[in-house]
Amino acid sequence: MDILQLDVSGRPQAWISPKEAAVLYASDGIAWTLGDPFLVLRGGIQRLSGLQSRLELHPIVAVRGSVPSRAWRQVPALSNTKLFARDRYLCAYCGHQFHVDDLTREHIVPTSRGGHDTWMNCITACRGCNGRKGNRMPEEAHMTLLYLPYVPSLHEDMILRGRRILADQMEFLLACVPRTSRLHG
């Protein structure tokens, strides 16, 4: 289970492994934590005290230091995994839910006609609807979009990355996701 790493102001930075978090704890790199400890790492026995060393890892950790502000202006990377999760595995044309193997990345404005591979030009479509639309515009194919694309926020992107997310982590991330997001549904 990964740990949600934040900067000291509370902005998500990355998902890190327990091993990476242990290094931060041991080097006094943790500014603050959220949630109850969910994992205890045990180390060696201290010769003087006879006690075993242990680290209690929290699901959310804020690290000391700063991150350049430009890092937060970047658009999240587009991938099929995140696109399909954003669109809740629903075809934007027929409205049916499909298994990931039966879905495709559909370009509203086809790339062959100048469309770009961006969050705002891509939606989820089943293979049948994508084939039927072909390289036409939706209007030309007499197909209507049932929902509109959008660029996920930083917090939504952290959810869309497809990891197993603990309740404390999900609660933290969803608190910063707009109520209009499909991720609340």
N, C-alpha and C. Protein backbone atom coordinates (compact mmCIF):
# COMPACT_ATOMS: atom_id res chain seq x y z
N MET A 1 0.84 -1.17 0.00
CA MET A 1 0.00 0.00 0.00
C MET A 1 0.89 1.23 0.00
N ASP A 2 0.63 2.15 -0.92
CA ASP A 2 1.45 3.35 -1.03
C ASP A 2 0.98 4.44 -0.07
N ILE A 3 1.86 5.39 0.13
CA ILE A 3 1.62 6.51 1.02
C ILE A 3 1.52 7.77 0.17
N LEU A 4 0.56 8.62 0.50
CA LEU A 4 0.37 9.88 -0.22
C LEU A 4 1.33 10.91 0.35
N GLN A 5 2.24 11.38 -0.49
CA GLN A 5 3.21 12.39 -0.08
C GLN A 5 2.70 13.77 -0.49
N LEU A 6 2.71 14.69 0.47
CA LEU A 6 2.30 16.08 0.24
C LEU A 6 3.49 17.00 0.44
N ASP A 7 3.38 18.22 -0.08
CA ASP A 7 4.37 19.21 0.32
C ASP A 7 3.88 19.78 1.66
N VAL A 8 4.66 20.64 2.26
CA VAL A 8 4.35 21.13 3.60
C VAL A 8 3.05 21.94 3.63
N SER A 9 2.62 22.47 2.47
CA SER A 9 1.37 23.23 2.43
C SER A 9 0.15 22.34 2.18
N GLY A 10 0.38 21.04 1.96
CA GLY A 10 -0.74 20.12 1.80
C GLY A 10 -1.07 19.75 0.37
N ARG A 11 -0.26 20.16 -0.61
CA ARG A 11 -0.51 19.80 -2.00
C ARG A 11 0.09 18.43 -2.29
N PRO A 12 -0.66 17.55 -2.94
CA PRO A 12 -0.12 16.22 -3.27
C PRO A 12 1.09 16.33 -4.18
N GLN A 13 2.07 15.49 -3.89
CA GLN A 13 3.28 15.43 -4.72
C GLN A 13 3.40 14.11 -5.44
N ALA A 14 3.19 13.01 -4.71
CA ALA A 14 3.44 11.69 -5.30
C ALA A 14 2.88 10.60 -4.42
N TRP A 15 2.81 9.41 -5.00
CA TRP A 15 2.57 8.20 -4.22
C TRP A 15 3.94 7.59 -3.98
N ILE A 16 4.27 7.28 -2.73
CA ILE A 16 5.58 6.71 -2.42
C ILE A 16 5.40 5.38 -1.70
N SER A 17 6.42 4.56 -1.80
CA SER A 17 6.39 3.25 -1.16
C SER A 17 6.66 3.39 0.33
N PRO A 18 6.29 2.39 1.13
CA PRO A 18 6.63 2.43 2.56
C PRO A 18 8.14 2.57 2.79
N LYS A 19 8.94 1.96 1.93
CA LYS A 19 10.39 2.06 2.07
C LYS A 19 10.85 3.51 1.87
N GLU A 20 10.29 4.18 0.86
CA GLU A 20 10.64 5.58 0.62
C GLU A 20 10.19 6.45 1.80
N ALA A 21 9.01 6.14 2.34
CA ALA A 21 8.52 6.90 3.50
C ALA A 21 9.41 6.68 4.71
N ALA A 22 9.88 5.45 4.90
CA ALA A 22 10.75 5.15 6.05
C ALA A 22 12.02 6.00 5.99
N VAL A 23 12.56 6.20 4.80
CA VAL A 23 13.75 7.04 4.65
C VAL A 23 13.42 8.47 5.08
N LEU A 24 12.24 8.97 4.69
CA LEU A 24 11.85 10.32 5.10
C LEU A 24 11.69 10.43 6.61
N TYR A 25 11.04 9.42 7.22
CA TYR A 25 10.88 9.42 8.67
C TYR A 25 12.25 9.40 9.35
N ALA A 26 13.13 8.51 8.91
CA ALA A 26 14.43 8.33 9.56
C ALA A 26 15.33 9.55 9.40
N SER A 27 15.16 10.30 8.30
CA SER A 27 16.00 11.48 8.06
C SER A 27 15.35 12.77 8.53
N ASP A 28 14.28 12.64 9.33
CA ASP A 28 13.54 13.79 9.87
C ASP A 28 13.00 14.66 8.75
N GLY A 29 12.54 14.02 7.67
CA GLY A 29 12.01 14.75 6.53
C GLY A 29 10.51 14.93 6.56
N ILE A 30 9.84 14.43 7.60
CA ILE A 30 8.38 14.53 7.70
C ILE A 30 8.02 15.75 8.54
N ALA A 31 7.23 16.65 7.96
CA ALA A 31 6.78 17.85 8.68
C ALA A 31 5.55 17.53 9.53
N TRP A 32 4.60 16.78 8.95
CA TRP A 32 3.39 16.40 9.67
C TRP A 32 2.74 15.21 8.95
N THR A 33 1.80 14.57 9.65
CA THR A 33 1.13 13.40 9.09
C THR A 33 -0.38 13.52 9.30
N LEU A 34 -1.12 12.72 8.53
CA LEU A 34 -2.57 12.61 8.70
C LEU A 34 -2.95 11.14 8.72
N GLY A 35 -4.02 10.85 9.44
CA GLY A 35 -4.53 9.48 9.51
C GLY A 35 -3.82 8.67 10.56
N ASP A 36 -4.46 7.59 10.94
CA ASP A 36 -3.87 6.69 11.93
C ASP A 36 -2.79 5.84 11.26
N PRO A 37 -1.73 5.51 12.02
CA PRO A 37 -0.70 4.65 11.45
C PRO A 37 -1.35 3.36 10.91
N PHE A 38 -0.89 2.93 9.73
CA PHE A 38 -1.47 1.74 9.13
C PHE A 38 -0.44 0.65 8.90
N LEU A 39 0.83 0.98 9.13
CA LEU A 39 1.89 0.01 8.91
C LEU A 39 3.01 0.28 9.90
N VAL A 40 3.50 -0.79 10.53
CA VAL A 40 4.62 -0.67 11.45
C VAL A 40 5.80 -1.43 10.85
N LEU A 41 6.91 -0.72 10.70
CA LEU A 41 8.14 -1.35 10.23
C LEU A 41 9.03 -1.59 11.45
N ARG A 42 9.52 -2.80 11.56
CA ARG A 42 10.37 -3.15 12.69
C ARG A 42 11.81 -3.32 12.22
N GLY A 43 12.73 -2.80 13.05
CA GLY A 43 14.14 -2.86 12.71
C GLY A 43 14.89 -3.77 13.66
N GLY A 44 16.14 -3.44 13.85
CA GLY A 44 17.00 -4.25 14.70
C GLY A 44 16.82 -3.96 16.18
N ILE A 45 17.49 -4.75 17.00
CA ILE A 45 17.46 -4.59 18.46
C ILE A 45 18.59 -3.64 18.86
N GLN A 46 18.23 -2.62 19.64
CA GLN A 46 19.24 -1.68 20.12
C GLN A 46 20.05 -2.34 21.23
N ARG A 47 21.36 -2.29 21.09
CA ARG A 47 22.24 -2.98 22.03
C ARG A 47 22.10 -2.45 23.46
N LEU A 48 22.03 -1.12 23.62
CA LEU A 48 21.98 -0.55 24.96
C LEU A 48 20.64 -0.77 25.66
N SER A 49 19.54 -0.57 24.93
CA SER A 49 18.22 -0.65 25.56
C SER A 49 17.60 -2.04 25.44
N GLY A 50 18.03 -2.79 24.46
CA GLY A 50 17.43 -4.11 24.23
C GLY A 50 16.08 -4.02 23.53
N LEU A 51 15.68 -2.81 23.11
CA LEU A 51 14.39 -2.61 22.44
C LEU A 51 14.55 -2.68 20.93
N GLN A 52 13.50 -3.17 20.29
CA GLN A 52 13.50 -3.22 18.83
C GLN A 52 13.06 -1.86 18.30
N SER A 53 13.77 -1.38 17.30
CA SER A 53 13.36 -0.10 16.69
C SER A 53 12.10 -0.34 15.85
N ARG A 54 11.28 0.70 15.77
CA ARG A 54 10.05 0.59 14.99
C ARG A 54 9.64 1.96 14.46
N LEU A 55 9.06 1.93 13.27
CA LEU A 55 8.52 3.13 12.66
C LEU A 55 7.05 2.89 12.36
N GLU A 56 6.20 3.80 12.81
CA GLU A 56 4.78 3.73 12.48
C GLU A 56 4.55 4.66 11.29
N LEU A 57 4.08 4.09 10.19
CA LEU A 57 3.86 4.87 8.98
C LEU A 57 2.40 5.30 8.88
N HIS A 58 2.20 6.55 8.53
CA HIS A 58 0.87 7.12 8.36
C HIS A 58 0.51 7.10 6.87
N PRO A 59 -0.78 7.09 6.55
CA PRO A 59 -1.18 7.02 5.14
C PRO A 59 -0.89 8.30 4.35
N ILE A 60 -0.74 9.42 5.06
CA ILE A 60 -0.49 10.71 4.41
C ILE A 60 0.65 11.39 5.16
N VAL A 61 1.69 11.79 4.43
CA VAL A 61 2.82 12.48 5.05
C VAL A 61 3.14 13.75 4.27
N ALA A 62 3.44 14.80 5.01
CA ALA A 62 3.88 16.05 4.39
C ALA A 62 5.38 16.15 4.62
N VAL A 63 6.10 16.45 3.55
CA VAL A 63 7.56 16.50 3.64
C VAL A 63 8.04 17.93 3.78
N ARG A 64 9.16 18.06 4.47
CA ARG A 64 9.78 19.38 4.64
C ARG A 64 10.36 19.84 3.31
N GLY A 65 10.51 21.14 3.17
CA GLY A 65 11.09 21.69 1.95
C GLY A 65 10.00 22.23 1.05
N SER A 66 10.41 22.68 -0.13
CA SER A 66 9.45 23.27 -1.04
C SER A 66 9.60 22.66 -2.43
N VAL A 67 8.54 22.83 -3.20
CA VAL A 67 8.51 22.36 -4.58
C VAL A 67 8.27 23.58 -5.45
N PRO A 68 8.96 23.70 -6.58
CA PRO A 68 8.74 24.87 -7.45
C PRO A 68 7.26 25.01 -7.81
N SER A 69 6.75 26.22 -7.77
CA SER A 69 5.32 26.44 -8.02
C SER A 69 4.92 26.04 -9.43
N ARG A 70 5.85 26.06 -10.39
CA ARG A 70 5.50 25.67 -11.76
C ARG A 70 5.03 24.22 -11.84
N ALA A 71 5.45 23.39 -10.88
CA ALA A 71 5.06 21.98 -10.89
C ALA A 71 3.54 21.83 -10.76
N TRP A 72 2.88 22.81 -10.17
CA TRP A 72 1.44 22.70 -9.93
C TRP A 72 0.61 23.28 -11.06
N ARG A 73 1.28 23.86 -12.06
CA ARG A 73 0.55 24.41 -13.19
C ARG A 73 0.50 23.42 -14.35
N GLN A 74 1.18 22.31 -14.23
CA GLN A 74 1.24 21.33 -15.30
C GLN A 74 -0.08 20.58 -15.42
N VAL A 75 -0.46 20.27 -16.64
CA VAL A 75 -1.63 19.44 -16.89
C VAL A 75 -1.24 17.99 -16.63
N PRO A 76 -2.07 17.23 -15.91
CA PRO A 76 -1.71 15.83 -15.65
C PRO A 76 -1.52 15.06 -16.96
N ALA A 77 -0.61 14.12 -16.94
CA ALA A 77 -0.35 13.30 -18.12
C ALA A 77 -1.60 12.49 -18.46
N LEU A 78 -1.89 12.39 -19.75
CA LEU A 78 -3.04 11.64 -20.24
C LEU A 78 -2.64 10.20 -20.50
N SER A 79 -3.40 9.27 -19.95
CA SER A 79 -3.20 7.84 -20.22
C SER A 79 -4.58 7.21 -20.32
N ASN A 80 -4.65 6.08 -21.00
CA ASN A 80 -5.94 5.39 -21.11
C ASN A 80 -6.47 5.00 -19.74
N THR A 81 -5.60 4.54 -18.87
CA THR A 81 -6.04 4.13 -17.53
C THR A 81 -6.75 5.27 -16.82
N LYS A 82 -6.13 6.46 -16.83
CA LYS A 82 -6.73 7.61 -16.15
C LYS A 82 -7.94 8.14 -16.91
N LEU A 83 -7.89 8.12 -18.23
CA LEU A 83 -9.03 8.58 -19.04
C LEU A 83 -10.27 7.72 -18.77
N PHE A 84 -10.10 6.40 -18.82
CA PHE A 84 -11.24 5.50 -18.60
C PHE A 84 -11.79 5.66 -17.19
N ALA A 85 -10.90 5.85 -16.20
CA ALA A 85 -11.37 6.07 -14.82
C ALA A 85 -12.10 7.40 -14.70
N ARG A 86 -11.56 8.45 -15.34
CA ARG A 86 -12.24 9.76 -15.32
C ARG A 86 -13.66 9.63 -15.84
N ASP A 87 -13.82 8.87 -16.92
CA ASP A 87 -15.13 8.73 -17.57
C ASP A 87 -15.94 7.56 -17.02
N ARG A 88 -15.47 6.97 -15.93
CA ARG A 88 -16.18 5.91 -15.21
C ARG A 88 -16.49 4.69 -16.08
N TYR A 89 -15.61 4.44 -17.05
CA TYR A 89 -15.71 3.26 -17.93
C TYR A 89 -17.01 3.27 -18.75
N LEU A 90 -17.54 4.49 -18.99
CA LEU A 90 -18.76 4.66 -19.78
C LEU A 90 -18.43 5.17 -21.17
N CYS A 91 -19.03 4.57 -22.17
CA CYS A 91 -18.89 5.07 -23.54
C CYS A 91 -19.63 6.39 -23.64
N ALA A 92 -18.94 7.40 -24.16
CA ALA A 92 -19.52 8.74 -24.27
C ALA A 92 -20.62 8.81 -25.32
N TYR A 93 -20.75 7.79 -26.15
CA TYR A 93 -21.76 7.82 -27.22
C TYR A 93 -22.97 6.95 -26.89
N CYS A 94 -22.76 5.70 -26.47
CA CYS A 94 -23.92 4.83 -26.19
C CYS A 94 -24.31 4.82 -24.72
N GLY A 95 -23.42 5.27 -23.84
CA GLY A 95 -23.72 5.37 -22.42
C GLY A 95 -23.60 4.07 -21.64
N HIS A 96 -23.16 3.00 -22.27
CA HIS A 96 -23.00 1.73 -21.57
C HIS A 96 -21.64 1.65 -20.89
N GLN A 97 -21.60 0.90 -19.80
CA GLN A 97 -20.35 0.69 -19.09
C GLN A 97 -19.68 -0.56 -19.65
N PHE A 98 -18.36 -0.50 -19.83
CA PHE A 98 -17.62 -1.60 -20.43
C PHE A 98 -16.40 -1.96 -19.61
N HIS A 99 -15.91 -3.19 -19.82
CA HIS A 99 -14.63 -3.61 -19.26
C HIS A 99 -13.54 -2.84 -19.99
N VAL A 100 -12.45 -2.57 -19.33
CA VAL A 100 -11.36 -1.78 -19.90
C VAL A 100 -10.88 -2.34 -21.24
N ASP A 101 -10.92 -3.65 -21.43
CA ASP A 101 -10.46 -4.26 -22.69
C ASP A 101 -11.36 -3.91 -23.87
N ASP A 102 -12.58 -3.47 -23.60
CA ASP A 102 -13.53 -3.14 -24.66
C ASP A 102 -13.67 -1.64 -24.89
N LEU A 103 -12.75 -0.86 -24.28
CA LEU A 103 -12.79 0.60 -24.40
C LEU A 103 -11.63 1.12 -25.24
N THR A 104 -11.84 2.30 -25.81
CA THR A 104 -10.81 2.96 -26.60
C THR A 104 -10.74 4.43 -26.23
N ARG A 105 -9.62 5.04 -26.54
CA ARG A 105 -9.47 6.49 -26.42
C ARG A 105 -10.02 7.08 -27.71
N GLU A 106 -11.08 7.86 -27.60
CA GLU A 106 -11.74 8.46 -28.76
C GLU A 106 -11.39 9.94 -28.83
N HIS A 107 -10.95 10.38 -29.99
CA HIS A 107 -10.66 11.80 -30.21
C HIS A 107 -11.90 12.45 -30.81
N ILE A 108 -12.45 13.42 -30.11
CA ILE A 108 -13.66 14.11 -30.58
C ILE A 108 -13.38 14.73 -31.95
N VAL A 109 -12.32 15.52 -32.02
CA VAL A 109 -11.82 15.99 -33.32
C VAL A 109 -10.71 15.01 -33.69
N PRO A 110 -10.91 14.19 -34.71
CA PRO A 110 -9.92 13.16 -35.05
C PRO A 110 -8.53 13.76 -35.28
N THR A 111 -7.52 13.00 -34.89
CA THR A 111 -6.14 13.47 -35.10
C THR A 111 -5.86 13.67 -36.59
N SER A 112 -6.51 12.87 -37.44
CA SER A 112 -6.31 13.01 -38.89
C SER A 112 -6.88 14.33 -39.41
N ARG A 113 -7.67 15.00 -38.57
CA ARG A 113 -8.28 16.28 -38.98
C ARG A 113 -7.79 17.43 -38.09
N GLY A 114 -6.64 17.22 -37.48
CA GLY A 114 -6.02 18.30 -36.70
C GLY A 114 -6.31 18.26 -35.21
N GLY A 115 -7.04 17.25 -34.75
CA GLY A 115 -7.33 17.13 -33.32
C GLY A 115 -6.09 16.73 -32.54
N HIS A 116 -6.04 17.14 -31.31
CA HIS A 116 -4.87 16.86 -30.47
C HIS A 116 -5.19 15.77 -29.45
N ASP A 117 -4.14 15.14 -28.97
CA ASP A 117 -4.26 14.09 -27.96
C ASP A 117 -4.20 14.75 -26.58
N THR A 118 -5.32 15.40 -26.20
CA THR A 118 -5.39 16.13 -24.94
C THR A 118 -6.63 15.70 -24.16
N TRP A 119 -6.65 16.05 -22.87
CA TRP A 119 -7.80 15.74 -22.03
C TRP A 119 -9.09 16.32 -22.61
N MET A 120 -9.03 17.51 -23.18
CA MET A 120 -10.24 18.18 -23.67
C MET A 120 -10.71 17.67 -25.03
N ASN A 121 -9.90 16.87 -25.71
CA ASN A 121 -10.30 16.31 -26.99
C ASN A 121 -10.49 14.80 -26.93
N CYS A 122 -10.30 14.21 -25.77
CA CYS A 122 -10.40 12.76 -25.64
C CYS A 122 -11.52 12.37 -24.68
N ILE A 123 -12.24 11.34 -25.09
CA ILE A 123 -13.28 10.74 -24.24
C ILE A 123 -13.16 9.23 -24.38
N THR A 124 -13.89 8.53 -23.54
CA THR A 124 -13.92 7.07 -23.57
C THR A 124 -15.03 6.62 -24.50
N ALA A 125 -14.72 5.65 -25.36
CA ALA A 125 -15.74 5.09 -26.27
C ALA A 125 -15.55 3.58 -26.35
N CYS A 126 -16.65 2.87 -26.52
CA CYS A 126 -16.55 1.43 -26.75
C CYS A 126 -16.00 1.23 -28.16
N ARG A 127 -15.50 0.04 -28.42
CA ARG A 127 -14.90 -0.23 -29.73
C ARG A 127 -15.92 -0.05 -30.86
N GLY A 128 -17.16 -0.47 -30.62
CA GLY A 128 -18.20 -0.35 -31.65
C GLY A 128 -18.48 1.09 -32.01
N CYS A 129 -18.68 1.94 -31.01
CA CYS A 129 -18.97 3.35 -31.28
C CYS A 129 -17.77 4.05 -31.90
N ASN A 130 -16.58 3.73 -31.45
CA ASN A 130 -15.39 4.36 -32.01
C ASN A 130 -15.25 3.99 -33.49
N GLY A 131 -15.49 2.73 -33.81
CA GLY A 131 -15.42 2.31 -35.21
C GLY A 131 -16.49 2.95 -36.06
N ARG A 132 -17.69 3.11 -35.50
CA ARG A 132 -18.79 3.71 -36.24
C ARG A 132 -18.52 5.19 -36.53
N LYS A 133 -17.92 5.90 -35.57
CA LYS A 133 -17.62 7.32 -35.76
C LYS A 133 -16.47 7.49 -36.75
N GLY A 134 -15.47 6.61 -36.67
CA GLY A 134 -14.34 6.69 -37.58
C GLY A 134 -13.61 8.01 -37.45
N ASN A 135 -13.22 8.57 -38.60
CA ASN A 135 -12.48 9.84 -38.55
C ASN A 135 -13.38 11.04 -38.83
N ARG A 136 -14.65 10.89 -38.47
CA ARG A 136 -15.60 12.00 -38.65
C ARG A 136 -15.78 12.76 -37.34
N MET A 137 -16.36 13.93 -37.44
CA MET A 137 -16.76 14.69 -36.26
C MET A 137 -18.03 14.05 -35.73
N PRO A 138 -18.33 14.16 -34.44
CA PRO A 138 -19.56 13.54 -33.91
C PRO A 138 -20.82 13.94 -34.69
N GLU A 139 -20.93 15.22 -35.07
CA GLU A 139 -22.11 15.68 -35.79
C GLU A 139 -22.22 14.99 -37.16
N GLU A 140 -21.09 14.81 -37.81
CA GLU A 140 -21.08 14.17 -39.12
C GLU A 140 -21.50 12.71 -39.04
N ALA A 141 -21.18 12.08 -37.92
CA ALA A 141 -21.54 10.67 -37.72
C ALA A 141 -22.91 10.53 -37.07
N HIS A 142 -23.59 11.67 -36.82
CA HIS A 142 -24.89 11.69 -36.14
C HIS A 142 -24.81 11.00 -34.77
N MET A 143 -23.72 11.33 -34.04
CA MET A 143 -23.49 10.77 -32.71
C MET A 143 -23.36 11.94 -31.74
N THR A 144 -24.03 11.82 -30.61
CA THR A 144 -24.04 12.89 -29.61
C THR A 144 -23.22 12.46 -28.40
N LEU A 145 -22.40 13.38 -27.91
CA LEU A 145 -21.66 13.12 -26.68
C LEU A 145 -22.62 13.18 -25.49
N LEU A 146 -22.57 12.16 -24.65
CA LEU A 146 -23.44 12.12 -23.47
C LEU A 146 -22.82 12.86 -22.28
N TYR A 147 -21.53 13.10 -22.35
CA TYR A 147 -20.84 13.89 -21.32
C TYR A 147 -19.68 14.62 -21.98
N LEU A 148 -19.19 15.64 -21.32
CA LEU A 148 -18.10 16.46 -21.87
C LEU A 148 -16.78 16.11 -21.22
N PRO A 149 -15.70 16.25 -21.95
CA PRO A 149 -14.38 16.00 -21.36
C PRO A 149 -13.99 17.15 -20.43
N TYR A 150 -13.03 16.89 -19.56
CA TYR A 150 -12.46 17.94 -18.71
C TYR A 150 -11.05 17.53 -18.31
N VAL A 151 -10.27 18.50 -17.89
CA VAL A 151 -8.92 18.26 -17.42
C VAL A 151 -8.99 18.00 -15.91
N PRO A 152 -8.53 16.84 -15.46
CA PRO A 152 -8.57 16.55 -14.02
C PRO A 152 -7.67 17.51 -13.22
N SER A 153 -8.13 17.84 -12.03
CA SER A 153 -7.31 18.64 -11.12
C SER A 153 -6.18 17.76 -10.57
N LEU A 154 -5.25 18.38 -9.88
CA LEU A 154 -4.14 17.64 -9.27
C LEU A 154 -4.67 16.55 -8.34
N HIS A 155 -5.68 16.88 -7.53
CA HIS A 155 -6.23 15.90 -6.58
C HIS A 155 -6.94 14.77 -7.31
N GLU A 156 -7.69 15.10 -8.36
CA GLU A 156 -8.34 14.06 -9.16
C GLU A 156 -7.30 13.16 -9.82
N ASP A 157 -6.23 13.76 -10.32
CA ASP A 157 -5.18 12.99 -10.97
C ASP A 157 -4.58 11.97 -10.01
N MET A 158 -4.40 12.34 -8.77
CA MET A 158 -3.84 11.40 -7.78
C MET A 158 -4.78 10.21 -7.59
N ILE A 159 -6.09 10.45 -7.65
CA ILE A 159 -7.08 9.37 -7.53
C ILE A 159 -7.08 8.51 -8.79
N LEU A 160 -7.00 9.15 -9.95
CA LEU A 160 -7.10 8.45 -11.23
C LEU A 160 -5.91 7.56 -11.55
N ARG A 161 -4.85 7.67 -10.80
CA ARG A 161 -3.65 6.89 -11.11
C ARG A 161 -3.82 5.39 -10.88
N GLY A 162 -4.98 4.99 -10.38
CA GLY A 162 -5.29 3.56 -10.32
C GLY A 162 -4.68 2.80 -9.17
N ARG A 163 -4.33 3.45 -8.13
CA ARG A 163 -3.75 2.78 -6.97
C ARG A 163 -4.85 2.38 -6.00
N ARG A 164 -4.49 1.45 -5.12
CA ARG A 164 -5.40 1.15 -4.00
C ARG A 164 -5.24 2.28 -3.00
N ILE A 165 -6.33 2.97 -2.74
CA ILE A 165 -6.28 4.16 -1.90
C ILE A 165 -6.98 3.87 -0.58
N LEU A 166 -6.29 4.16 0.51
CA LEU A 166 -6.87 3.98 1.85
C LEU A 166 -7.95 5.03 2.09
N ALA A 167 -8.85 4.74 3.01
CA ALA A 167 -9.97 5.65 3.30
C ALA A 167 -9.49 7.05 3.68
N ASP A 168 -8.46 7.14 4.53
CA ASP A 168 -7.93 8.45 4.94
C ASP A 168 -7.41 9.22 3.73
N GLN A 169 -6.75 8.52 2.83
CA GLN A 169 -6.19 9.17 1.64
C GLN A 169 -7.31 9.65 0.72
N MET A 170 -8.32 8.80 0.51
CA MET A 170 -9.43 9.17 -0.37
C MET A 170 -10.20 10.35 0.21
N GLU A 171 -10.43 10.34 1.49
CA GLU A 171 -11.15 11.45 2.14
C GLU A 171 -10.38 12.75 1.94
N PHE A 172 -9.07 12.71 2.13
CA PHE A 172 -8.25 13.91 1.95
C PHE A 172 -8.32 14.41 0.51
N LEU A 173 -8.14 13.51 -0.45
CA LEU A 173 -8.13 13.92 -1.86
C LEU A 173 -9.50 14.42 -2.31
N LEU A 174 -10.56 13.70 -1.94
CA LEU A 174 -11.91 14.10 -2.37
C LEU A 174 -12.35 15.43 -1.78
N ALA A 175 -11.80 15.79 -0.62
CA ALA A 175 -12.16 17.07 0.00
C ALA A 175 -11.74 18.25 -0.89
N CYS A 176 -10.77 18.02 -1.78
CA CYS A 176 -10.29 19.09 -2.66
C CYS A 176 -10.75 18.92 -4.11
N VAL A 177 -11.60 17.94 -4.35
CA VAL A 177 -12.12 17.69 -5.69
C VAL A 177 -13.46 18.41 -5.82
N PRO A 178 -13.68 19.14 -6.90
CA PRO A 178 -14.95 19.83 -7.07
C PRO A 178 -16.15 18.87 -6.97
N ARG A 179 -17.22 19.32 -6.37
CA ARG A 179 -18.43 18.48 -6.21
C ARG A 179 -19.00 18.05 -7.56
N THR A 180 -18.68 18.80 -8.60
CA THR A 180 -19.19 18.47 -9.93
C THR A 180 -18.38 17.37 -10.61
N SER A 181 -17.28 16.96 -10.00
CA SER A 181 -16.43 15.93 -10.60
C SER A 181 -17.14 14.59 -10.68
N ARG A 182 -16.87 13.84 -11.73
CA ARG A 182 -17.42 12.48 -11.86
C ARG A 182 -16.90 11.54 -10.79
N LEU A 183 -15.81 11.91 -10.14
CA LEU A 183 -15.23 11.04 -9.13
C LEU A 183 -16.06 11.00 -7.85
N HIS A 184 -16.96 11.95 -7.67
CA HIS A 184 -17.84 11.94 -6.50
C HIS A 184 -19.03 11.00 -6.71
N GLY A 185 -19.35 10.70 -7.95
CA GLY A 185 -20.54 9.94 -8.27
C GLY A 185 -20.51 8.56 -7.80
